[in-house]
N, C-alpha and C. Protein backbone atom coordinates (compact mmCIF):
# COMPACT_ATOMS: atom_id res chain seq x y z
N HIS A 1 110.73 113.24 98.47
CA HIS A 1 111.51 114.45 98.27
C HIS A 1 112.90 114.09 97.74
N ALA A 2 113.47 114.99 96.95
CA ALA A 2 114.76 114.73 96.32
C ALA A 2 115.85 114.39 97.33
N LEU A 3 115.91 115.13 98.43
CA LEU A 3 116.94 114.87 99.43
C LEU A 3 116.78 113.49 100.06
N GLN A 4 115.54 113.08 100.29
CA GLN A 4 115.30 111.75 100.86
C GLN A 4 115.74 110.66 99.90
N ARG A 5 115.43 110.85 98.62
CA ARG A 5 115.82 109.85 97.63
C ARG A 5 117.33 109.73 97.55
N GLU A 6 118.02 110.88 97.56
CA GLU A 6 119.48 110.85 97.51
C GLU A 6 120.07 110.23 98.77
N ALA A 7 119.40 110.47 99.90
CA ALA A 7 119.88 109.87 101.16
C ALA A 7 119.75 108.35 101.10
N TRP A 8 118.62 107.86 100.58
CA TRP A 8 118.46 106.41 100.44
C TRP A 8 119.52 105.83 99.50
N ARG A 9 119.74 106.53 98.39
CA ARG A 9 120.73 106.05 97.43
C ARG A 9 122.13 105.97 98.07
N ALA A 10 122.50 107.02 98.78
CA ALA A 10 123.82 107.05 99.42
C ALA A 10 123.94 105.96 100.49
N LEU A 11 122.86 105.78 101.25
CA LEU A 11 122.88 104.80 102.34
C LEU A 11 122.99 103.38 101.81
N LEU A 12 122.20 103.06 100.79
CA LEU A 12 122.12 101.68 100.32
C LEU A 12 123.21 101.31 99.33
N SER A 13 123.73 102.29 98.62
CA SER A 13 124.77 101.99 97.63
C SER A 13 126.02 101.40 98.26
N SER A 14 126.23 101.69 99.53
CA SER A 14 127.44 101.20 100.20
C SER A 14 127.24 99.81 100.81
N GLN A 15 126.04 99.27 100.71
CA GLN A 15 125.77 97.96 101.31
C GLN A 15 126.11 96.83 100.34
N PRO A 16 126.85 95.81 100.81
CA PRO A 16 127.22 94.70 99.92
C PRO A 16 125.98 93.95 99.43
N GLY A 17 126.00 93.56 98.16
CA GLY A 17 124.92 92.79 97.59
C GLY A 17 123.75 93.60 97.10
N ILE A 18 123.85 94.95 97.16
CA ILE A 18 122.74 95.81 96.75
C ILE A 18 123.21 96.75 95.64
N LEU A 19 122.44 96.81 94.56
CA LEU A 19 122.68 97.73 93.45
C LEU A 19 121.42 98.54 93.22
N ILE A 20 121.53 99.86 93.27
CA ILE A 20 120.38 100.74 93.07
C ILE A 20 120.10 100.86 91.58
N SER A 21 118.88 100.49 91.15
CA SER A 21 118.56 100.55 89.72
C SER A 21 117.71 101.75 89.36
N GLY A 22 117.17 102.49 90.34
CA GLY A 22 116.37 103.66 90.04
C GLY A 22 115.50 104.06 91.21
N SER A 23 114.84 105.21 91.06
CA SER A 23 113.92 105.68 92.08
C SER A 23 112.83 106.48 91.40
N LEU A 24 111.70 106.63 92.09
CA LEU A 24 110.59 107.40 91.52
C LEU A 24 109.82 108.10 92.63
N THR A 25 109.12 109.15 92.24
CA THR A 25 108.37 109.93 93.22
C THR A 25 106.89 109.61 93.22
N ASP A 26 106.39 109.04 92.13
CA ASP A 26 104.99 108.60 92.10
C ASP A 26 104.84 107.50 91.06
N LEU A 27 103.71 106.81 91.09
CA LEU A 27 103.53 105.63 90.25
C LEU A 27 103.45 105.94 88.77
N SER A 28 103.20 107.19 88.40
CA SER A 28 103.16 107.53 86.98
C SER A 28 104.53 107.36 86.33
N GLN A 29 105.59 107.30 87.15
CA GLN A 29 106.94 107.14 86.64
C GLN A 29 107.43 105.70 86.66
N ILE A 30 106.56 104.79 87.00
CA ILE A 30 107.01 103.42 87.26
C ILE A 30 107.61 102.75 86.04
N THR A 31 107.15 103.13 84.85
CA THR A 31 107.70 102.50 83.65
C THR A 31 109.14 102.91 83.39
N THR A 32 109.63 103.93 84.09
CA THR A 32 111.03 104.35 83.91
C THR A 32 111.99 103.45 84.68
N LEU A 33 111.47 102.66 85.62
CA LEU A 33 112.33 101.74 86.36
C LEU A 33 112.76 100.60 85.45
N SER A 34 114.03 100.27 85.50
CA SER A 34 114.52 99.16 84.68
C SER A 34 114.11 97.85 85.32
N ARG A 35 113.72 96.89 84.46
CA ARG A 35 113.40 95.56 84.95
C ARG A 35 114.61 94.66 84.70
N SER A 36 115.61 94.81 85.53
CA SER A 36 116.83 94.04 85.36
C SER A 36 116.62 92.58 85.72
N GLU A 37 117.47 91.74 85.13
CA GLU A 37 117.40 90.31 85.41
C GLU A 37 117.87 90.03 86.84
N GLY A 38 117.42 88.92 87.38
CA GLY A 38 117.86 88.53 88.71
C GLY A 38 116.92 89.02 89.80
N ALA A 39 117.42 88.95 91.03
CA ALA A 39 116.60 89.29 92.19
C ALA A 39 116.43 90.80 92.32
N ASN A 40 115.22 91.23 92.58
CA ASN A 40 114.92 92.66 92.71
C ASN A 40 113.95 92.91 93.86
N THR A 41 114.15 94.03 94.52
CA THR A 41 113.23 94.49 95.56
C THR A 41 112.90 95.95 95.31
N ILE A 42 111.63 96.30 95.48
CA ILE A 42 111.22 97.71 95.46
C ILE A 42 110.99 98.12 96.91
N LEU A 43 111.74 99.12 97.35
CA LEU A 43 111.61 99.65 98.71
C LEU A 43 110.64 100.82 98.66
N ILE A 44 109.55 100.74 99.44
CA ILE A 44 108.49 101.75 99.39
C ILE A 44 108.52 102.57 100.67
N ASP A 45 108.80 103.87 100.53
CA ASP A 45 108.89 104.80 101.66
C ASP A 45 107.77 105.82 101.51
N LEU A 46 106.68 105.61 102.21
CA LEU A 46 105.52 106.50 102.16
C LEU A 46 105.12 106.91 103.57
N PRO A 47 104.58 108.13 103.74
CA PRO A 47 104.10 108.53 105.07
C PRO A 47 103.05 107.56 105.61
N VAL A 48 102.14 107.13 104.72
CA VAL A 48 101.11 106.15 105.08
C VAL A 48 101.10 105.06 104.01
N PRO A 49 101.55 103.85 104.34
CA PRO A 49 101.55 102.76 103.35
C PRO A 49 100.12 102.48 102.87
N GLN A 50 99.96 102.33 101.55
CA GLN A 50 98.63 102.16 100.96
C GLN A 50 98.55 100.84 100.19
N PRO A 51 97.54 100.01 100.47
CA PRO A 51 97.37 98.76 99.74
C PRO A 51 97.27 98.95 98.23
N GLU A 52 96.65 100.04 97.79
CA GLU A 52 96.51 100.27 96.35
C GLU A 52 97.87 100.41 95.68
N ILE A 53 98.83 101.02 96.38
CA ILE A 53 100.19 101.13 95.84
C ILE A 53 100.79 99.74 95.68
N ALA A 54 100.59 98.89 96.67
CA ALA A 54 101.11 97.52 96.60
C ALA A 54 100.49 96.78 95.41
N ARG A 55 99.19 96.94 95.21
CA ARG A 55 98.53 96.25 94.09
C ARG A 55 99.09 96.70 92.75
N GLN A 56 99.29 98.00 92.60
CA GLN A 56 99.79 98.52 91.32
C GLN A 56 101.24 98.10 91.08
N LEU A 57 102.05 98.13 92.13
CA LEU A 57 103.43 97.68 91.99
C LEU A 57 103.49 96.19 91.69
N ARG A 58 102.64 95.43 92.33
CA ARG A 58 102.62 93.98 92.08
C ARG A 58 102.23 93.68 90.64
N GLU A 59 101.31 94.47 90.09
CA GLU A 59 100.91 94.27 88.71
C GLU A 59 102.06 94.61 87.75
N PHE A 60 102.79 95.67 88.05
CA PHE A 60 103.90 96.08 87.19
C PHE A 60 105.09 95.13 87.32
N ALA A 61 105.38 94.70 88.52
CA ALA A 61 106.58 93.90 88.79
C ALA A 61 106.23 92.66 89.60
N PRO A 62 105.57 91.67 88.98
CA PRO A 62 105.10 90.50 89.74
C PRO A 62 106.21 89.67 90.39
N GLN A 63 107.43 89.75 89.85
CA GLN A 63 108.52 88.95 90.39
C GLN A 63 109.36 89.68 91.43
N CYS A 64 109.07 90.96 91.66
CA CYS A 64 109.87 91.74 92.60
C CYS A 64 109.35 91.61 94.03
N GLY A 65 110.27 91.69 94.99
CA GLY A 65 109.86 91.81 96.37
C GLY A 65 109.39 93.24 96.62
N LEU A 66 108.33 93.39 97.39
CA LEU A 66 107.81 94.71 97.75
C LEU A 66 108.00 94.91 99.24
N LEU A 67 108.95 95.75 99.61
CA LEU A 67 109.31 95.96 101.01
C LEU A 67 108.86 97.35 101.44
N PHE A 68 107.94 97.40 102.42
CA PHE A 68 107.40 98.66 102.91
C PHE A 68 108.09 99.08 104.20
N LEU A 69 108.45 100.36 104.29
CA LEU A 69 108.89 100.94 105.55
C LEU A 69 107.66 101.25 106.39
N VAL A 70 107.67 100.86 107.67
CA VAL A 70 106.52 101.08 108.54
C VAL A 70 106.98 101.66 109.88
N GLN A 71 106.07 102.38 110.52
CA GLN A 71 106.38 102.93 111.84
C GLN A 71 106.44 101.82 112.89
N SER A 72 105.54 100.84 112.75
CA SER A 72 105.49 99.71 113.68
C SER A 72 104.81 98.55 112.97
N TYR A 73 104.96 97.37 113.55
CA TYR A 73 104.39 96.18 112.93
C TYR A 73 102.95 95.96 113.41
N GLU A 74 102.12 96.99 113.23
CA GLU A 74 100.72 96.87 113.62
C GLU A 74 100.00 95.93 112.67
N PHE A 75 99.30 94.95 113.23
CA PHE A 75 98.64 93.94 112.40
C PHE A 75 97.62 94.58 111.46
N SER A 76 96.93 95.61 111.95
CA SER A 76 95.90 96.27 111.14
C SER A 76 96.49 96.97 109.93
N THR A 77 97.77 97.33 110.00
CA THR A 77 98.46 97.94 108.87
C THR A 77 99.06 96.89 107.95
N ILE A 78 99.64 95.86 108.55
CA ILE A 78 100.36 94.83 107.81
C ILE A 78 99.44 93.99 106.93
N LEU A 79 98.33 93.51 107.49
CA LEU A 79 97.49 92.54 106.78
C LEU A 79 96.95 93.07 105.46
N PRO A 80 96.36 94.28 105.39
CA PRO A 80 95.86 94.76 104.09
C PRO A 80 96.96 94.87 103.04
N LEU A 81 98.17 95.23 103.45
CA LEU A 81 99.27 95.34 102.51
C LEU A 81 99.71 93.96 102.01
N LEU A 82 99.72 92.97 102.90
CA LEU A 82 100.02 91.60 102.48
C LEU A 82 98.98 91.09 101.49
N GLN A 83 97.72 91.36 101.79
CA GLN A 83 96.65 90.93 100.89
C GLN A 83 96.78 91.59 99.52
N ALA A 84 97.36 92.79 99.49
CA ALA A 84 97.52 93.52 98.23
C ALA A 84 98.79 93.12 97.48
N GLY A 85 99.64 92.30 98.10
CA GLY A 85 100.83 91.81 97.39
C GLY A 85 102.16 92.19 97.98
N ALA A 86 102.19 92.84 99.15
CA ALA A 86 103.46 93.18 99.79
C ALA A 86 104.22 91.91 100.17
N THR A 87 105.55 92.00 100.10
CA THR A 87 106.39 90.86 100.47
C THR A 87 106.89 90.96 101.90
N GLY A 88 107.14 92.19 102.35
CA GLY A 88 107.66 92.32 103.69
C GLY A 88 107.64 93.75 104.18
N PHE A 89 108.11 93.91 105.42
CA PHE A 89 108.04 95.19 106.11
C PHE A 89 109.28 95.35 106.97
N ILE A 90 109.75 96.59 107.07
CA ILE A 90 110.89 96.88 107.92
C ILE A 90 110.60 98.14 108.71
N SER A 91 110.85 98.10 110.00
CA SER A 91 110.59 99.24 110.87
C SER A 91 111.56 100.38 110.58
N ARG A 92 111.06 101.60 110.73
CA ARG A 92 111.93 102.76 110.56
C ARG A 92 112.97 102.84 111.68
N ASP A 93 112.82 102.06 112.72
CA ASP A 93 113.80 102.02 113.80
C ASP A 93 114.86 100.93 113.59
N ALA A 94 114.77 100.21 112.46
CA ALA A 94 115.72 99.13 112.19
C ALA A 94 117.11 99.70 111.89
N SER A 95 118.13 98.88 112.05
CA SER A 95 119.49 99.29 111.71
C SER A 95 119.68 99.21 110.20
N VAL A 96 120.75 99.83 109.71
CA VAL A 96 121.06 99.78 108.28
C VAL A 96 121.31 98.34 107.85
N GLY A 97 122.00 97.59 108.69
CA GLY A 97 122.26 96.18 108.38
C GLY A 97 120.98 95.38 108.25
N ASP A 98 120.03 95.62 109.18
CA ASP A 98 118.74 94.91 109.12
C ASP A 98 117.99 95.29 107.85
N LEU A 99 118.05 96.55 107.48
CA LEU A 99 117.38 97.00 106.26
C LEU A 99 117.98 96.32 105.03
N ALA A 100 119.30 96.27 104.96
CA ALA A 100 119.96 95.63 103.82
C ALA A 100 119.59 94.15 103.74
N ARG A 101 119.58 93.48 104.88
CA ARG A 101 119.21 92.06 104.89
C ARG A 101 117.76 91.88 104.47
N ALA A 102 116.89 92.80 104.89
CA ALA A 102 115.48 92.71 104.53
C ALA A 102 115.29 92.90 103.03
N ILE A 103 116.04 93.82 102.43
CA ILE A 103 115.95 94.05 100.99
C ILE A 103 116.37 92.80 100.23
N ILE A 104 117.45 92.19 100.65
CA ILE A 104 117.94 90.99 99.98
C ILE A 104 116.97 89.82 100.18
N ALA A 105 116.44 89.68 101.40
CA ALA A 105 115.48 88.60 101.66
C ALA A 105 114.21 88.78 100.84
N ALA A 106 113.71 90.01 100.75
CA ALA A 106 112.50 90.27 99.96
C ALA A 106 112.72 89.95 98.49
N SER A 107 113.94 90.19 98.00
CA SER A 107 114.23 89.89 96.59
C SER A 107 114.15 88.39 96.32
N ARG A 108 114.34 87.58 97.36
CA ARG A 108 114.23 86.12 97.21
C ARG A 108 112.81 85.62 97.43
N GLY A 109 111.89 86.56 97.68
CA GLY A 109 110.50 86.16 97.91
C GLY A 109 110.22 85.78 99.34
N GLU A 110 111.15 86.04 100.26
CA GLU A 110 110.93 85.69 101.65
C GLU A 110 110.00 86.70 102.31
N LEU A 111 109.16 86.21 103.20
CA LEU A 111 108.27 87.08 103.96
C LEU A 111 109.08 87.76 105.05
N VAL A 112 109.23 89.07 104.96
CA VAL A 112 110.08 89.83 105.89
C VAL A 112 109.20 90.44 106.97
N LEU A 113 109.16 89.77 108.11
CA LEU A 113 108.37 90.19 109.26
C LEU A 113 108.92 89.51 110.50
N PRO A 114 108.77 90.10 111.68
CA PRO A 114 109.10 89.36 112.90
C PRO A 114 108.28 88.07 112.93
N PRO A 115 108.87 86.94 113.36
CA PRO A 115 108.17 85.66 113.31
C PRO A 115 106.78 85.66 113.92
N GLU A 116 106.60 86.33 115.07
CA GLU A 116 105.29 86.29 115.71
C GLU A 116 104.23 87.02 114.87
N VAL A 117 104.63 88.09 114.20
CA VAL A 117 103.70 88.81 113.33
C VAL A 117 103.46 88.03 112.05
N ALA A 118 104.52 87.37 111.55
CA ALA A 118 104.39 86.58 110.32
C ALA A 118 103.38 85.45 110.50
N VAL A 119 103.46 84.75 111.62
CA VAL A 119 102.52 83.65 111.86
C VAL A 119 101.09 84.16 111.94
N GLN A 120 100.87 85.23 112.69
CA GLN A 120 99.53 85.81 112.81
C GLN A 120 99.01 86.23 111.44
N SER A 121 99.86 86.82 110.63
CA SER A 121 99.46 87.29 109.31
C SER A 121 99.13 86.12 108.39
N LEU A 122 99.96 85.08 108.42
CA LEU A 122 99.71 83.92 107.56
C LEU A 122 98.42 83.22 107.95
N VAL A 123 98.15 83.11 109.24
CA VAL A 123 96.89 82.50 109.68
C VAL A 123 95.71 83.30 109.17
N ALA A 124 95.78 84.63 109.28
CA ALA A 124 94.68 85.48 108.82
C ALA A 124 94.50 85.37 107.31
N LEU A 125 95.60 85.34 106.57
CA LEU A 125 95.50 85.20 105.12
C LEU A 125 94.91 83.84 104.73
N ALA A 126 95.38 82.80 105.40
CA ALA A 126 94.91 81.45 105.08
C ALA A 126 93.42 81.28 105.37
N GLN A 127 92.93 81.96 106.38
CA GLN A 127 91.51 81.85 106.72
C GLN A 127 90.62 82.38 105.60
N GLY A 128 91.15 83.29 104.80
CA GLY A 128 90.35 83.87 103.73
C GLY A 128 90.46 83.13 102.42
N LEU A 129 91.23 82.02 102.39
CA LEU A 129 91.41 81.27 101.15
C LEU A 129 90.47 80.08 101.09
N PRO A 130 90.07 79.67 99.86
CA PRO A 130 89.28 78.44 99.72
C PRO A 130 90.11 77.23 100.07
N ALA A 131 89.44 76.16 100.45
CA ALA A 131 90.15 74.93 100.80
C ALA A 131 90.96 74.45 99.62
N SER A 132 92.20 74.02 99.88
CA SER A 132 93.07 73.54 98.80
C SER A 132 93.01 72.03 98.71
N GLN A 133 93.37 71.52 97.54
CA GLN A 133 93.37 70.09 97.32
C GLN A 133 94.60 69.48 97.95
N GLY A 134 94.53 68.20 98.25
CA GLY A 134 95.66 67.51 98.85
C GLY A 134 96.81 67.36 97.88
N ARG A 135 98.02 67.18 98.39
CA ARG A 135 99.18 67.04 97.53
C ARG A 135 99.24 65.62 96.98
N SER A 136 99.92 65.45 95.86
CA SER A 136 100.03 64.14 95.24
C SER A 136 101.22 63.35 95.78
N GLU A 137 102.24 64.06 96.27
CA GLU A 137 103.42 63.38 96.79
C GLU A 137 103.63 63.75 98.25
N PRO A 138 103.96 62.78 99.09
CA PRO A 138 104.22 63.10 100.51
C PRO A 138 105.56 63.81 100.66
N LEU A 139 105.65 64.64 101.67
CA LEU A 139 106.90 65.33 101.98
C LEU A 139 107.80 64.42 102.80
N SER A 140 109.10 64.55 102.57
CA SER A 140 110.06 63.81 103.39
C SER A 140 110.09 64.42 104.79
N GLU A 141 110.73 63.73 105.71
CA GLU A 141 110.82 64.24 107.08
C GLU A 141 111.54 65.59 107.11
N ARG A 142 112.63 65.71 106.34
CA ARG A 142 113.38 66.96 106.31
C ARG A 142 112.56 68.06 105.64
N GLU A 143 111.84 67.74 104.58
CA GLU A 143 111.00 68.73 103.92
C GLU A 143 109.90 69.23 104.86
N SER A 144 109.36 68.33 105.66
CA SER A 144 108.34 68.73 106.64
C SER A 144 108.92 69.68 107.67
N GLU A 145 110.15 69.41 108.11
CA GLU A 145 110.81 70.30 109.07
C GLU A 145 111.02 71.69 108.47
N VAL A 146 111.46 71.72 107.21
CA VAL A 146 111.67 73.01 106.53
C VAL A 146 110.36 73.75 106.40
N LEU A 147 109.30 73.04 106.03
CA LEU A 147 108.00 73.67 105.83
C LEU A 147 107.45 74.21 107.15
N LYS A 148 107.65 73.51 108.24
CA LYS A 148 107.18 73.98 109.54
C LYS A 148 107.85 75.31 109.91
N LEU A 149 109.15 75.38 109.68
CA LEU A 149 109.87 76.62 110.00
C LEU A 149 109.47 77.75 109.06
N LEU A 150 109.22 77.41 107.81
CA LEU A 150 108.74 78.41 106.86
C LEU A 150 107.41 78.99 107.32
N ALA A 151 106.53 78.13 107.83
CA ALA A 151 105.21 78.56 108.28
C ALA A 151 105.29 79.43 109.53
N ARG A 152 106.42 79.37 110.23
CA ARG A 152 106.61 80.21 111.43
C ARG A 152 107.28 81.53 111.09
N GLY A 153 107.46 81.81 109.79
CA GLY A 153 108.02 83.08 109.37
C GLY A 153 109.54 83.12 109.33
N HIS A 154 110.20 81.96 109.34
CA HIS A 154 111.66 81.94 109.31
C HIS A 154 112.18 82.20 107.90
N THR A 155 113.31 82.88 107.81
CA THR A 155 113.99 83.09 106.54
C THR A 155 114.80 81.84 106.19
N ASN A 156 115.34 81.80 104.97
CA ASN A 156 116.18 80.66 104.58
C ASN A 156 117.37 80.52 105.51
N LYS A 157 117.97 81.66 105.88
CA LYS A 157 119.12 81.62 106.78
C LYS A 157 118.73 81.09 108.15
N ASP A 158 117.56 81.52 108.66
CA ASP A 158 117.08 81.02 109.96
C ASP A 158 116.88 79.51 109.91
N ILE A 159 116.25 79.05 108.81
CA ILE A 159 115.99 77.61 108.66
C ILE A 159 117.30 76.84 108.61
N ALA A 160 118.26 77.36 107.86
CA ALA A 160 119.56 76.70 107.74
C ALA A 160 120.24 76.57 109.11
N GLN A 161 120.20 77.64 109.89
CA GLN A 161 120.83 77.62 111.21
C GLN A 161 120.10 76.66 112.15
N GLU A 162 118.77 76.66 112.08
CA GLU A 162 117.98 75.80 112.96
C GLU A 162 118.22 74.32 112.68
N LEU A 163 118.33 73.97 111.39
CA LEU A 163 118.45 72.56 111.00
C LEU A 163 119.90 72.16 110.71
N ILE A 164 120.83 73.09 110.91
CA ILE A 164 122.26 72.85 110.65
C ILE A 164 122.44 72.39 109.21
N LEU A 165 121.98 73.22 108.29
CA LEU A 165 122.11 72.97 106.86
C LEU A 165 122.70 74.21 106.21
N SER A 166 123.12 74.07 104.97
CA SER A 166 123.54 75.25 104.21
C SER A 166 122.30 75.93 103.64
N VAL A 167 122.42 77.21 103.32
CA VAL A 167 121.30 77.94 102.73
C VAL A 167 120.95 77.31 101.38
N ARG A 168 121.94 76.87 100.62
CA ARG A 168 121.67 76.24 99.32
C ARG A 168 120.86 74.95 99.47
N THR A 169 121.14 74.20 100.53
CA THR A 169 120.37 72.97 100.78
C THR A 169 118.93 73.31 101.13
N VAL A 170 118.74 74.35 101.93
CA VAL A 170 117.39 74.79 102.25
C VAL A 170 116.65 75.20 100.98
N GLU A 171 117.32 75.94 100.11
CA GLU A 171 116.70 76.37 98.86
C GLU A 171 116.31 75.16 98.00
N ALA A 172 117.15 74.13 98.01
CA ALA A 172 116.83 72.91 97.25
C ALA A 172 115.60 72.22 97.83
N HIS A 173 115.54 72.15 99.17
CA HIS A 173 114.36 71.56 99.82
C HIS A 173 113.10 72.35 99.47
N LEU A 174 113.22 73.68 99.46
CA LEU A 174 112.06 74.50 99.15
C LEU A 174 111.58 74.28 97.71
N ARG A 175 112.50 74.13 96.79
CA ARG A 175 112.10 73.83 95.40
C ARG A 175 111.32 72.53 95.33
N ASN A 176 111.80 71.51 96.06
CA ASN A 176 111.09 70.22 96.08
C ASN A 176 109.71 70.36 96.72
N ILE A 177 109.64 71.15 97.80
CA ILE A 177 108.36 71.36 98.49
C ILE A 177 107.38 72.07 97.57
N PHE A 178 107.84 73.12 96.88
CA PHE A 178 106.97 73.84 95.96
C PHE A 178 106.40 72.90 94.90
N ALA A 179 107.27 72.04 94.36
CA ALA A 179 106.84 71.11 93.31
C ALA A 179 105.81 70.12 93.85
N LYS A 180 106.05 69.60 95.04
CA LYS A 180 105.14 68.61 95.61
C LYS A 180 103.79 69.21 95.99
N LEU A 181 103.81 70.47 96.45
CA LEU A 181 102.56 71.12 96.86
C LEU A 181 101.85 71.80 95.70
N GLY A 182 102.55 71.94 94.57
CA GLY A 182 101.96 72.61 93.42
C GLY A 182 101.79 74.11 93.65
N VAL A 183 102.77 74.73 94.34
CA VAL A 183 102.72 76.17 94.60
C VAL A 183 103.91 76.84 93.92
N GLY A 184 103.85 78.16 93.80
CA GLY A 184 104.89 78.87 93.08
C GLY A 184 105.69 79.86 93.89
N SER A 185 105.41 79.95 95.20
CA SER A 185 106.13 80.94 96.00
C SER A 185 106.20 80.49 97.46
N ARG A 186 107.07 81.14 98.21
CA ARG A 186 107.18 80.88 99.65
C ARG A 186 105.87 81.18 100.37
N THR A 187 105.26 82.30 99.99
CA THR A 187 104.02 82.67 100.67
C THR A 187 102.93 81.64 100.45
N GLU A 188 102.80 81.14 99.21
CA GLU A 188 101.80 80.10 98.93
C GLU A 188 102.11 78.83 99.72
N ALA A 189 103.40 78.47 99.80
CA ALA A 189 103.78 77.28 100.57
C ALA A 189 103.48 77.49 102.05
N ALA A 190 103.77 78.70 102.56
CA ALA A 190 103.51 78.98 103.97
C ALA A 190 102.01 78.95 104.26
N LEU A 191 101.22 79.49 103.35
CA LEU A 191 99.76 79.46 103.54
C LEU A 191 99.25 78.03 103.52
N TRP A 192 99.78 77.21 102.62
CA TRP A 192 99.39 75.79 102.59
C TRP A 192 99.75 75.15 103.92
N ALA A 193 100.94 75.45 104.41
CA ALA A 193 101.40 74.86 105.67
C ALA A 193 100.50 75.27 106.83
N VAL A 194 100.12 76.54 106.87
CA VAL A 194 99.25 77.01 107.95
C VAL A 194 97.90 76.31 107.91
N ARG A 195 97.35 76.18 106.70
CA ARG A 195 96.04 75.53 106.57
C ARG A 195 96.09 74.07 107.00
N HIS A 196 97.26 73.44 106.88
CA HIS A 196 97.38 72.02 107.20
C HIS A 196 98.10 71.76 108.52
N GLY A 197 98.22 72.81 109.34
CA GLY A 197 98.71 72.62 110.70
C GLY A 197 100.20 72.46 110.86
N TYR A 198 100.99 72.90 109.90
CA TYR A 198 102.43 72.80 110.02
C TYR A 198 102.98 73.97 110.84
N GLY A 199 103.30 73.71 112.06
CA GLY A 199 103.94 74.72 112.90
C GLY A 199 103.01 75.72 113.53
N THR A 200 101.75 75.73 113.19
CA THR A 200 100.76 76.64 113.77
C THR A 200 99.48 75.86 114.00
N PRO A 201 98.59 76.36 114.86
CA PRO A 201 97.33 75.67 115.09
C PRO A 201 96.53 75.55 113.79
N PRO A 202 95.90 74.39 113.52
CA PRO A 202 95.12 74.24 112.30
C PRO A 202 93.99 75.25 112.25
N ILE A 203 93.66 75.71 111.05
CA ILE A 203 92.57 76.67 110.85
C ILE A 203 91.28 75.90 110.68
N LYS A 204 90.27 76.27 111.44
CA LYS A 204 89.00 75.57 111.40
C LYS A 204 87.95 76.40 110.69
């Protein structure tokens, strides 16, 4: 509804680090959204989140974070949306600050979920994937620590605080990890980690 869209615009426009590039009422208008350079997140506010919406948005904007508003972090709701390409989820009971942080994290490709739900979701996703080939280069001790925390659903900021590193250093470690594992995203790296027992029970 128009009033809801204007409310979102007013609420988020005042948050540091966020620029509103457009809004739409249905997917037929998706081509009107600007594909600006840099980090982007699409915030999806629907009465009932639908995996098909996630698939269509992912096809249109493969590099964007897809952040769904949800009533609760029910696993039965979360998993189909993740399988369809969602990046993260934020509860309607979250604070404005948490929402802003979630939007920014999703734009970086981070999985936005409470850690306990993130681990359960990654395990379920990994179980449905074919076995992956081994890596060609071993990970350093620090890279292994970063990967373990990534597999537990930690954000870059969480990892930095846990390991007493800067966020930029964590990002550099993640780039090295992606290259060594031959993956292109945090989610792929996290799924690899789950399958190989990094931070979670190995999948059998």
